[in-house]
All heavy atoms as atom14 arrays in JSON, in Angstrom:
{
  "sequence": "FADMAMYPHVFQTEDYEHAGQPHEMQGKWHDFFKNDAPITLELGCG",
  "atom14_mask": [
    [1, 1, 1, 1, 1, 1, 1, 1, 1, 1, 1, 0, 0, 0],
    [1, 1, 1, 1, 1, 0, 0, 0, 0, 0, 0, 0, 0, 0],
    [1, 1, 1, 1, 1, 1, 1, 1, 0, 0, 0, 0, 0, 0],
    [1, 1, 1, 1, 1, 1, 1, 1, 0, 0, 0, 0, 0, 0],
    [1, 1, 1, 1, 1, 0, 0, 0, 0, 0, 0, 0, 0, 0],
    [1, 1, 1, 1, 1, 1, 1, 1, 0, 0, 0, 0, 0, 0],
    [1, 1, 1, 1, 1, 1, 1, 1, 1, 1, 1, 1, 0, 0],
    [1, 1, 1, 1, 1, 1, 1, 0, 0, 0, 0, 0, 0, 0],
    [1, 1, 1, 1, 1, 1, 1, 1, 1, 1, 0, 0, 0, 0],
    [1, 1, 1, 1, 1, 1, 1, 0, 0, 0, 0, 0, 0, 0],
    [1, 1, 1, 1, 1, 1, 1, 1, 1, 1, 1, 0, 0, 0],
    [1, 1, 1, 1, 1, 1, 1, 1, 1, 0, 0, 0, 0, 0],
    [1, 1, 1, 1, 1, 1, 1, 0, 0, 0, 0, 0, 0, 0],
    [1, 1, 1, 1, 1, 1, 1, 1, 1, 0, 0, 0, 0, 0],
    [1, 1, 1, 1, 1, 1, 1, 1, 0, 0, 0, 0, 0, 0],
    [1, 1, 1, 1, 1, 1, 1, 1, 1, 1, 1, 1, 0, 0],
    [1, 1, 1, 1, 1, 1, 1, 1, 1, 0, 0, 0, 0, 0],
    [1, 1, 1, 1, 1, 1, 1, 1, 1, 1, 0, 0, 0, 0],
    [1, 1, 1, 1, 1, 0, 0, 0, 0, 0, 0, 0, 0, 0],
    [1, 1, 1, 1, 0, 0, 0, 0, 0, 0, 0, 0, 0, 0],
    [1, 1, 1, 1, 1, 1, 1, 1, 1, 0, 0, 0, 0, 0],
    [1, 1, 1, 1, 1, 1, 1, 0, 0, 0, 0, 0, 0, 0],
    [1, 1, 1, 1, 1, 1, 1, 1, 1, 1, 0, 0, 0, 0],
    [1, 1, 1, 1, 1, 1, 1, 1, 1, 0, 0, 0, 0, 0],
    [1, 1, 1, 1, 1, 1, 1, 1, 0, 0, 0, 0, 0, 0],
    [1, 1, 1, 1, 1, 1, 1, 1, 1, 0, 0, 0, 0, 0],
    [1, 1, 1, 1, 0, 0, 0, 0, 0, 0, 0, 0, 0, 0],
    [1, 1, 1, 1, 1, 1, 1, 1, 1, 0, 0, 0, 0, 0],
    [1, 1, 1, 1, 1, 1, 1, 1, 1, 1, 1, 1, 1, 1],
    [1, 1, 1, 1, 1, 1, 1, 1, 1, 1, 0, 0, 0, 0],
    [1, 1, 1, 1, 1, 1, 1, 1, 0, 0, 0, 0, 0, 0],
    [1, 1, 1, 1, 1, 1, 1, 1, 1, 1, 1, 0, 0, 0],
    [1, 1, 1, 1, 1, 1, 1, 1, 1, 1, 1, 0, 0, 0],
    [1, 1, 1, 1, 1, 1, 1, 1, 1, 0, 0, 0, 0, 0],
    [1, 1, 1, 1, 1, 1, 1, 1, 0, 0, 0, 0, 0, 0],
    [1, 1, 1, 1, 1, 1, 1, 1, 0, 0, 0, 0, 0, 0],
    [1, 1, 1, 1, 1, 0, 0, 0, 0, 0, 0, 0, 0, 0],
    [1, 1, 1, 1, 1, 1, 1, 0, 0, 0, 0, 0, 0, 0],
    [1, 1, 1, 1, 1, 1, 1, 1, 0, 0, 0, 0, 0, 0],
    [1, 1, 1, 1, 1, 1, 1, 0, 0, 0, 0, 0, 0, 0],
    [1, 1, 1, 1, 1, 1, 1, 1, 0, 0, 0, 0, 0, 0],
    [1, 1, 1, 1, 1, 1, 1, 1, 1, 0, 0, 0, 0, 0],
    [1, 1, 1, 1, 1, 1, 1, 1, 0, 0, 0, 0, 0, 0],
    [1, 1, 1, 1, 0, 0, 0, 0, 0, 0, 0, 0, 0, 0],
    [1, 1, 1, 1, 1, 1, 0, 0, 0, 0, 0, 0, 0, 0],
    [1, 1, 1, 1, 0, 0, 0, 0, 0, 0, 0, 0, 0, 0]
  ],
  "atom14_positions": [
    [[0.83, -1.2, 0.0], [0.0, 0.0, 0.0], [0.86, 1.25, 0.0], [0.54, 2.25, -0.66], [-0.93, 0.01, 1.2], [-2.06, -0.98, 1.11], [-2.54, -1.62, 2.25], [-2.64, -1.29, -0.11], [-3.58, -2.54, 2.16], [-3.66, -2.22, -0.21], [-4.14, -2.83, 0.93], [0.0, 0.0, 0.0], [0.0, 0.0, 0.0], [0.0, 0.0, 0.0]],
    [[1.98, 1.21, 0.73], [2.9, 2.35, 0.77], [3.52, 2.59, -0.6], [3.68, 3.73, -1.03], [3.98, 2.12, 1.82], [0.0, 0.0, 0.0], [0.0, 0.0, 0.0], [0.0, 0.0, 0.0], [0.0, 0.0, 0.0], [0.0, 0.0, 0.0], [0.0, 0.0, 0.0], [0.0, 0.0, 0.0], [0.0, 0.0, 0.0], [0.0, 0.0, 0.0]],
    [[3.87, 1.5, -1.29], [4.4, 1.63, -2.65], [3.39, 2.31, -3.55], [3.7, 3.27, -4.26], [4.74, 0.25, -3.23], [6.03, -0.33, -2.69], [6.79, 0.4, -2.03], [6.28, -1.53, -2.92], [0.0, 0.0, 0.0], [0.0, 0.0, 0.0], [0.0, 0.0, 0.0], [0.0, 0.0, 0.0], [0.0, 0.0, 0.0], [0.0, 0.0, 0.0]],
    [[2.16, 1.8, -3.54], [1.15, 2.31, -4.47], [0.78, 3.76, -4.18], [0.39, 4.49, -5.09], [-0.09, 1.41, -4.46], [0.16, 0.03, -5.04], [-1.34, -0.76, -5.66], [-2.3, -0.82, -4.16], [0.0, 0.0, 0.0], [0.0, 0.0, 0.0], [0.0, 0.0, 0.0], [0.0, 0.0, 0.0], [0.0, 0.0, 0.0], [0.0, 0.0, 0.0]],
    [[0.89, 4.16, -2.93], [0.61, 5.55, -2.59], [1.58, 6.5, -3.27], [1.28, 7.69, -3.45], [0.66, 5.75, -1.08], [0.0, 0.0, 0.0], [0.0, 0.0, 0.0], [0.0, 0.0, 0.0], [0.0, 0.0, 0.0], [0.0, 0.0, 0.0], [0.0, 0.0, 0.0], [0.0, 0.0, 0.0], [0.0, 0.0, 0.0], [0.0, 0.0, 0.0]],
    [[2.74, 5.98, -3.68], [3.77, 6.79, -4.34], [3.7, 6.69, -5.86], [4.38, 7.44, -6.55], [5.16, 6.37, -3.85], [5.35, 6.49, -2.34], [5.2, 8.19, -1.78], [6.65, 8.9, -2.56], [0.0, 0.0, 0.0], [0.0, 0.0, 0.0], [0.0, 0.0, 0.0], [0.0, 0.0, 0.0], [0.0, 0.0, 0.0], [0.0, 0.0, 0.0]],
    [[2.91, 5.75, -6.38], [2.85, 5.57, -7.82], [1.93, 6.63, -8.43], [0.75, 6.74, -8.04], [2.31, 4.18, -8.19], [3.2, 3.02, -7.79], [2.69, 1.73, -7.74], [4.54, 3.21, -7.47], [3.47, 0.65, -7.39], [5.34, 2.13, -7.11], [4.8, 0.85, -7.07], [5.59, -0.21, -6.72], [0.0, 0.0, 0.0], [0.0, 0.0, 0.0]],
    [[2.4, 7.37, -9.42], [1.55, 8.43, -10.0], [0.4, 7.91, -10.85], [-0.52, 8.67, -11.15], [2.54, 9.23, -10.85], [3.62, 8.24, -11.2], [3.75, 7.35, -10.01], [0.0, 0.0, 0.0], [0.0, 0.0, 0.0], [0.0, 0.0, 0.0], [0.0, 0.0, 0.0], [0.0, 0.0, 0.0], [0.0, 0.0, 0.0], [0.0, 0.0, 0.0]],
    [[0.45, 6.64, -11.22], [-0.61, 6.09, -12.09], [-1.6, 5.23, -11.31], [-2.41, 4.52, -11.93], [0.02, 5.29, -13.23], [0.7, 4.02, -12.79], [1.53, 3.95, -11.7], [0.64, 2.76, -13.3], [1.97, 2.72, -11.56], [1.43, 1.98, -12.51], [0.0, 0.0, 0.0], [0.0, 0.0, 0.0], [0.0, 0.0, 0.0], [0.0, 0.0, 0.0]],
    [[-1.56, 5.28, -9.98], [-2.5, 4.53, -9.15], [-3.38, 5.51, -8.39], [-2.88, 6.43, -7.73], [-1.76, 3.61, -8.16], [-2.76, 2.93, -7.22], [-0.96, 2.54, -8.92], [0.0, 0.0, 0.0], [0.0, 0.0, 0.0], [0.0, 0.0, 0.0], [0.0, 0.0, 0.0], [0.0, 0.0, 0.0], [0.0, 0.0, 0.0], [0.0, 0.0, 0.0]],
    [[-4.69, 5.3, -8.49], [-5.66, 6.16, -7.82], [-6.43, 5.31, -6.82], [-7.02, 4.3, -7.18], [-6.61, 6.79, -8.84], [-5.9, 7.63, -9.86], [-5.32, 7.04, -11.0], [-5.78, 9.0, -9.69], [-4.65, 7.81, -11.93], [-5.11, 9.78, -10.62], [-4.54, 9.18, -11.74], [0.0, 0.0, 0.0], [0.0, 0.0, 0.0], [0.0, 0.0, 0.0]],
    [[-6.38, 5.71, -5.56], [-7.02, 4.95, -4.5], [-8.05, 5.82, -3.79], [-7.83, 7.01, -3.57], [-6.0, 4.45, -3.49], [-4.89, 3.6, -4.12], [-4.0, 2.96, -3.08], [-4.39, 1.99, -2.45], [-2.81, 3.5, -2.91], [0.0, 0.0, 0.0], [0.0, 0.0, 0.0], [0.0, 0.0, 0.0], [0.0, 0.0, 0.0], [0.0, 0.0, 0.0]],
    [[-9.17, 5.21, -3.44], [-10.2, 5.95, -2.72], [-10.95, 5.03, -1.79], [-11.17, 3.86, -2.1], [-11.2, 6.61, -3.69], [-12.21, 7.26, -2.92], [-11.84, 5.59, -4.61], [0.0, 0.0, 0.0], [0.0, 0.0, 0.0], [0.0, 0.0, 0.0], [0.0, 0.0, 0.0], [0.0, 0.0, 0.0], [0.0, 0.0, 0.0], [0.0, 0.0, 0.0]],
    [[-11.29, 5.54, -0.64], [-12.18, 4.84, 0.29], [-13.32, 5.78, 0.66], [-13.92, 5.66, 1.72], [-11.41, 4.38, 1.52], [-10.36, 3.33, 1.19], [-9.63, 2.81, 2.42], [-9.97, 3.27, 3.53], [-8.75, 1.96, 2.26], [0.0, 0.0, 0.0], [0.0, 0.0, 0.0], [0.0, 0.0, 0.0], [0.0, 0.0, 0.0], [0.0, 0.0, 0.0]],
    [[-13.61, 6.7, -0.23], [-14.6, 7.75, 0.0], [-16.0, 7.23, -0.31], [-16.75, 7.83, -1.07], [-14.26, 8.96, -0.87], [-15.05, 10.19, -0.48], [-15.58, 10.22, 0.64], [-15.13, 11.11, -1.29], [0.0, 0.0, 0.0], [0.0, 0.0, 0.0], [0.0, 0.0, 0.0], [0.0, 0.0, 0.0], [0.0, 0.0, 0.0], [0.0, 0.0, 0.0]],
    [[-16.36, 6.08, 0.27], [-17.6, 5.43, -0.11], [-18.85, 6.16, 0.38], [-19.92, 5.99, -0.18], [-17.61, 3.99, 0.41], [-16.44, 3.18, -0.08], [-15.83, 2.24, 0.72], [-15.93, 3.38, -1.37], [-14.75, 1.5, 0.28], [-14.84, 2.65, -1.83], [-14.26, 1.7, -1.0], [-13.19, 0.98, -1.44], [0.0, 0.0, 0.0], [0.0, 0.0, 0.0]],
    [[-18.71, 6.96, 1.43], [-19.88, 7.65, 1.93], [-20.36, 8.72, 0.96], [-21.48, 9.21, 1.07], [-19.6, 8.28, 3.3], [-18.57, 9.39, 3.3], [-17.15, 8.89, 3.5], [-16.91, 7.69, 3.23], [-16.29, 9.66, 3.93], [0.0, 0.0, 0.0], [0.0, 0.0, 0.0], [0.0, 0.0, 0.0], [0.0, 0.0, 0.0], [0.0, 0.0, 0.0]],
    [[-19.53, 9.08, -0.02], [-19.91, 10.05, -1.04], [-20.04, 9.34, -2.4], [-19.67, 9.89, -3.43], [-18.89, 11.17, -1.12], [-18.72, 11.92, 0.16], [-19.76, 12.61, 0.75], [-17.65, 12.07, 0.98], [-19.33, 13.17, 1.88], [-18.06, 12.85, 2.04], [0.0, 0.0, 0.0], [0.0, 0.0, 0.0], [0.0, 0.0, 0.0], [0.0, 0.0, 0.0]],
    [[-20.56, 8.11, -2.35], [-20.6, 7.28, -3.55], [-21.39, 7.91, -4.69], [-21.14, 7.61, -5.85], [-21.2, 5.91, -3.21], [0.0, 0.0, 0.0], [0.0, 0.0, 0.0], [0.0, 0.0, 0.0], [0.0, 0.0, 0.0], [0.0, 0.0, 0.0], [0.0, 0.0, 0.0], [0.0, 0.0, 0.0], [0.0, 0.0, 0.0], [0.0, 0.0, 0.0]],
    [[-22.33, 8.8, -4.39], [-23.13, 9.4, -5.45], [-22.52, 10.63, -6.08], [-23.07, 11.16, -7.05], [0.0, 0.0, 0.0], [0.0, 0.0, 0.0], [0.0, 0.0, 0.0], [0.0, 0.0, 0.0], [0.0, 0.0, 0.0], [0.0, 0.0, 0.0], [0.0, 0.0, 0.0], [0.0, 0.0, 0.0], [0.0, 0.0, 0.0], [0.0, 0.0, 0.0]],
    [[-21.39, 11.08, -5.56], [-20.77, 12.3, -6.07], [-19.66, 11.96, -7.07], [-18.94, 10.98, -6.89], [-20.19, 13.11, -4.92], [-21.25, 13.57, -3.91], [-20.63, 14.36, -2.78], [-19.47, 14.74, -2.83], [-21.42, 14.61, -1.75], [0.0, 0.0, 0.0], [0.0, 0.0, 0.0], [0.0, 0.0, 0.0], [0.0, 0.0, 0.0], [0.0, 0.0, 0.0]],
    [[-19.48, 12.76, -8.12], [-18.41, 12.51, -9.09], [-17.03, 12.58, -8.43], [-16.78, 13.44, -7.58], [-18.59, 13.63, -10.11], [-19.99, 14.09, -9.94], [-20.31, 13.91, -8.49], [0.0, 0.0, 0.0], [0.0, 0.0, 0.0], [0.0, 0.0, 0.0], [0.0, 0.0, 0.0], [0.0, 0.0, 0.0], [0.0, 0.0, 0.0], [0.0, 0.0, 0.0]],
    [[-16.17, 11.68, -8.82], [-14.78, 11.71, -8.37], [-14.01, 12.74, -9.18], [-14.39, 13.08, -10.31], [-14.15, 10.33, -8.54], [-12.79, 10.19, -7.95], [-11.64, 10.4, -8.68], [-12.38, 9.89, -6.68], [-10.59, 10.2, -7.91], [-11.01, 9.9, -6.69], [0.0, 0.0, 0.0], [0.0, 0.0, 0.0], [0.0, 0.0, 0.0], [0.0, 0.0, 0.0]],
    [[-12.91, 13.24, -8.63], [-12.14, 14.28, -9.3], [-11.58, 13.84, -10.64], [-11.28, 14.67, -11.5], [-10.99, 14.74, -8.4], [-10.0, 13.64, -8.07], [-8.9, 14.11, -7.14], [-9.0, 15.24, -6.61], [-7.94, 13.34, -6.94], [0.0, 0.0, 0.0], [0.0, 0.0, 0.0], [0.0, 0.0, 0.0], [0.0, 0.0, 0.0], [0.0, 0.0, 0.0]],
    [[-11.46, 12.52, -10.87], [-10.92, 12.04, -12.15], [-12.0, 11.87, -13.22], [-11.68, 11.64, -14.38], [-10.19, 10.7, -11.95], [-8.84, 10.83, -11.29], [-7.72, 11.91, -12.22], [-7.56, 10.99, -13.75], [0.0, 0.0, 0.0], [0.0, 0.0, 0.0], [0.0, 0.0, 0.0], [0.0, 0.0, 0.0], [0.0, 0.0, 0.0], [0.0, 0.0, 0.0]],
    [[-13.25, 11.99, -12.84], [-14.32, 11.8, -13.82], [-14.18, 12.82, -14.95], [-14.12, 14.02, -14.73], [-15.69, 11.95, -13.17], [-16.84, 11.55, -14.08], [-18.19, 11.77, -13.42], [-18.69, 12.87, -13.38], [-18.77, 10.69, -12.9], [0.0, 0.0, 0.0], [0.0, 0.0, 0.0], [0.0, 0.0, 0.0], [0.0, 0.0, 0.0], [0.0, 0.0, 0.0]],
    [[-14.1, 12.31, -16.18], [-13.96, 13.18, -17.35], [-12.56, 13.69, -17.6], [-12.34, 14.46, -18.54], [0.0, 0.0, 0.0], [0.0, 0.0, 0.0], [0.0, 0.0, 0.0], [0.0, 0.0, 0.0], [0.0, 0.0, 0.0], [0.0, 0.0, 0.0], [0.0, 0.0, 0.0], [0.0, 0.0, 0.0], [0.0, 0.0, 0.0], [0.0, 0.0, 0.0]],
    [[-11.57, 13.24, -16.8], [-10.21, 13.78, -16.92], [-9.17, 12.71, -17.24], [-7.97, 12.96, -17.17], [-9.82, 14.49, -15.63], [-10.7, 15.69, -15.31], [-10.28, 16.37, -14.03], [-11.17, 17.57, -13.72], [-10.79, 18.21, -12.43], [0.0, 0.0, 0.0], [0.0, 0.0, 0.0], [0.0, 0.0, 0.0], [0.0, 0.0, 0.0], [0.0, 0.0, 0.0]],
    [[-9.62, 11.52, -17.61], [-8.66, 10.45, -17.86], [-7.82, 10.71, -19.1], [-6.63, 10.38, -19.12], [-9.39, 9.12, -17.96], [-9.91, 8.66, -16.64], [-11.18, 8.78, -16.16], [-9.15, 8.06, -15.58], [-11.28, 8.27, -14.89], [-10.05, 7.83, -14.5], [-7.82, 7.69, -15.44], [-9.65, 7.23, -13.3], [-7.41, 7.09, -14.25], [-8.32, 6.88, -13.2]],
    [[-8.39, 11.31, -20.12], [-7.58, 11.62, -21.3], [-6.54, 12.69, -20.98], [-5.43, 12.68, -21.55], [-8.48, 12.07, -22.46], [-9.19, 10.93, -23.13], [-10.56, 10.77, -23.06], [-8.74, 9.9, -23.87], [-10.91, 9.69, -23.73], [-9.82, 9.14, -24.23], [0.0, 0.0, 0.0], [0.0, 0.0, 0.0], [0.0, 0.0, 0.0], [0.0, 0.0, 0.0]],
    [[-6.87, 13.57, -20.06], [-5.88, 14.55, -19.62], [-4.74, 13.85, -18.9], [-3.55, 14.19, -19.1], [-6.51, 15.58, -18.68], [-7.54, 16.46, -19.38], [-7.45, 16.59, -20.61], [-8.42, 16.99, -18.69], [0.0, 0.0, 0.0], [0.0, 0.0, 0.0], [0.0, 0.0, 0.0], [0.0, 0.0, 0.0], [0.0, 0.0, 0.0], [0.0, 0.0, 0.0]],
    [[-5.07, 12.87, -18.08], [-4.03, 12.13, -17.37], [-3.11, 11.4, -18.35], [-1.88, 11.43, -18.21], [-4.66, 11.12, -16.4], [-3.68, 10.13, -15.84], [-2.79, 10.5, -14.84], [-3.62, 8.84, -16.35], [-1.86, 9.6, -14.35], [-2.69, 7.93, -15.86], [-1.82, 8.31, -14.85], [0.0, 0.0, 0.0], [0.0, 0.0, 0.0], [0.0, 0.0, 0.0]],
    [[-3.72, 10.72, -19.34], [-2.91, 9.96, -20.31], [-2.25, 10.87, -21.34], [-1.39, 10.43, -22.1], [-3.78, 8.93, -21.03], [-4.16, 7.75, -20.17], [-5.49, 7.5, -19.85], [-3.2, 6.89, -19.69], [-5.85, 6.41, -19.07], [-3.54, 5.78, -18.91], [-4.87, 5.55, -18.59], [0.0, 0.0, 0.0], [0.0, 0.0, 0.0], [0.0, 0.0, 0.0]],
    [[-2.68, 12.13, -21.39], [-2.12, 13.11, -22.34], [-2.35, 12.7, -23.78], [-1.49, 12.9, -24.66], [-0.63, 13.35, -22.08], [-0.34, 13.94, -20.7], [1.15, 14.18, -20.52], [1.43, 14.9, -19.21], [0.99, 14.15, -18.01], [0.0, 0.0, 0.0], [0.0, 0.0, 0.0], [0.0, 0.0, 0.0], [0.0, 0.0, 0.0], [0.0, 0.0, 0.0]],
    [[-3.52, 12.11, -24.06], [-3.88, 11.77, -25.43], [-5.38, 11.56, -25.5], [-6.07, 11.55, -24.47], [-3.12, 10.53, -25.91], [-3.43, 9.3, -25.09], [-4.58, 8.91, -24.89], [-2.38, 8.65, -24.56], [0.0, 0.0, 0.0], [0.0, 0.0, 0.0], [0.0, 0.0, 0.0], [0.0, 0.0, 0.0], [0.0, 0.0, 0.0], [0.0, 0.0, 0.0]],
    [[-5.89, 11.37, -26.71], [-7.32, 11.11, -26.92], [-7.58, 9.68, -27.35], [-8.61, 9.37, -27.94], [-7.88, 12.07, -27.97], [-7.89, 13.52, -27.5], [-8.14, 13.73, -26.29], [-7.62, 14.42, -28.32], [0.0, 0.0, 0.0], [0.0, 0.0, 0.0], [0.0, 0.0, 0.0], [0.0, 0.0, 0.0], [0.0, 0.0, 0.0], [0.0, 0.0, 0.0]],
    [[-6.64, 8.79, -27.06], [-6.75, 7.39, -27.47], [-7.87, 6.68, -26.71], [-8.26, 7.11, -25.62], [-5.43, 6.68, -27.25], [0.0, 0.0, 0.0], [0.0, 0.0, 0.0], [0.0, 0.0, 0.0], [0.0, 0.0, 0.0], [0.0, 0.0, 0.0], [0.0, 0.0, 0.0], [0.0, 0.0, 0.0], [0.0, 0.0, 0.0], [0.0, 0.0, 0.0]],
    [[-8.4, 5.6, -27.28], [-9.47, 4.86, -26.6], [-9.04, 4.36, -25.22], [-7.87, 4.06, -24.99], [-9.73, 3.68, -27.55], [-9.25, 4.15, -28.88], [-8.07, 5.03, -28.6], [0.0, 0.0, 0.0], [0.0, 0.0, 0.0], [0.0, 0.0, 0.0], [0.0, 0.0, 0.0], [0.0, 0.0, 0.0], [0.0, 0.0, 0.0], [0.0, 0.0, 0.0]],
    [[-10.02, 4.26, -24.32], [-9.79, 3.78, -22.97], [-10.53, 2.46, -22.77], [-11.72, 2.35, -23.07], [-10.27, 4.8, -21.93], [-9.4, 6.07, -21.97], [-10.25, 4.21, -20.52], [-9.86, 7.17, -21.04], [0.0, 0.0, 0.0], [0.0, 0.0, 0.0], [0.0, 0.0, 0.0], [0.0, 0.0, 0.0], [0.0, 0.0, 0.0], [0.0, 0.0, 0.0]],
    [[-9.81, 1.48, -22.24], [-10.37, 0.18, -21.91], [-10.22, -0.07, -20.42], [-9.16, 0.19, -19.85], [-9.66, -0.95, -22.69], [-9.91, -0.78, -24.09], [-10.17, -2.32, -22.26], [0.0, 0.0, 0.0], [0.0, 0.0, 0.0], [0.0, 0.0, 0.0], [0.0, 0.0, 0.0], [0.0, 0.0, 0.0], [0.0, 0.0, 0.0], [0.0, 0.0, 0.0]],
    [[-11.3, -0.57, -19.78], [-11.25, -0.92, -18.37], [-11.16, -2.43, -18.2], [-11.81, -3.19, -18.93], [-12.52, -0.45, -17.64], [-12.9, 1.03, -17.72], [-14.11, 1.27, -16.82], [-11.75, 1.92, -17.33], [0.0, 0.0, 0.0], [0.0, 0.0, 0.0], [0.0, 0.0, 0.0], [0.0, 0.0, 0.0], [0.0, 0.0, 0.0], [0.0, 0.0, 0.0]],
    [[-10.36, -2.86, -17.23], [-10.42, -4.25, -16.75], [-11.04, -4.19, -15.36], [-10.39, -3.72, -14.42], [-9.05, -4.9, -16.71], [-9.15, -6.37, -16.27], [-7.81, -7.02, -15.95], [-6.77, -6.34, -15.96], [-7.82, -8.23, -15.65], [0.0, 0.0, 0.0], [0.0, 0.0, 0.0], [0.0, 0.0, 0.0], [0.0, 0.0, 0.0], [0.0, 0.0, 0.0]],
    [[-12.26, -4.65, -15.22], [-12.98, -4.58, -13.95], [-12.77, -5.88, -13.18], [-12.98, -6.96, -13.7], [-14.47, -4.35, -14.19], [-14.82, -3.05, -14.95], [-16.34, -2.91, -15.06], [-14.22, -1.84, -14.26], [0.0, 0.0, 0.0], [0.0, 0.0, 0.0], [0.0, 0.0, 0.0], [0.0, 0.0, 0.0], [0.0, 0.0, 0.0], [0.0, 0.0, 0.0]],
    [[-12.37, -5.75, -11.91], [-11.98, -6.91, -11.13], [-10.65, -7.42, -11.65], [-10.49, -8.6, -11.94], [0.0, 0.0, 0.0], [0.0, 0.0, 0.0], [0.0, 0.0, 0.0], [0.0, 0.0, 0.0], [0.0, 0.0, 0.0], [0.0, 0.0, 0.0], [0.0, 0.0, 0.0], [0.0, 0.0, 0.0], [0.0, 0.0, 0.0], [0.0, 0.0, 0.0]],
    [[-9.68, -6.51, -11.74], [-8.43, -6.81, -12.46], [-7.48, -7.72, -11.7], [-6.52, -8.23, -12.27], [-7.71, -5.51, -12.84], [-7.03, -4.6, -11.42], [0.0, 0.0, 0.0], [0.0, 0.0, 0.0], [0.0, 0.0, 0.0], [0.0, 0.0, 0.0], [0.0, 0.0, 0.0], [0.0, 0.0, 0.0], [0.0, 0.0, 0.0], [0.0, 0.0, 0.0]],
    [[-7.71, -7.94, -10.38], [-6.8, -8.8, -9.63], [-5.39, -8.27, -9.67], [-5.12, -7.13, -9.3], [0.0, 0.0, 0.0], [0.0, 0.0, 0.0], [0.0, 0.0, 0.0], [0.0, 0.0, 0.0], [0.0, 0.0, 0.0], [0.0, 0.0, 0.0], [0.0, 0.0, 0.0], [0.0, 0.0, 0.0], [0.0, 0.0, 0.0], [0.0, 0.0, 0.0]]
  ]
}
């Protein structure tokens, strides 16, 4: 967990009590990747 807290490409949240509110990354993933390329999710990625 300490390692991942330092990784710039890992986003962690336990803000479940605000589950209905948009996260700060919503709509900004292409800005993070610095491109407009397609985005694929692996859900339950293990």
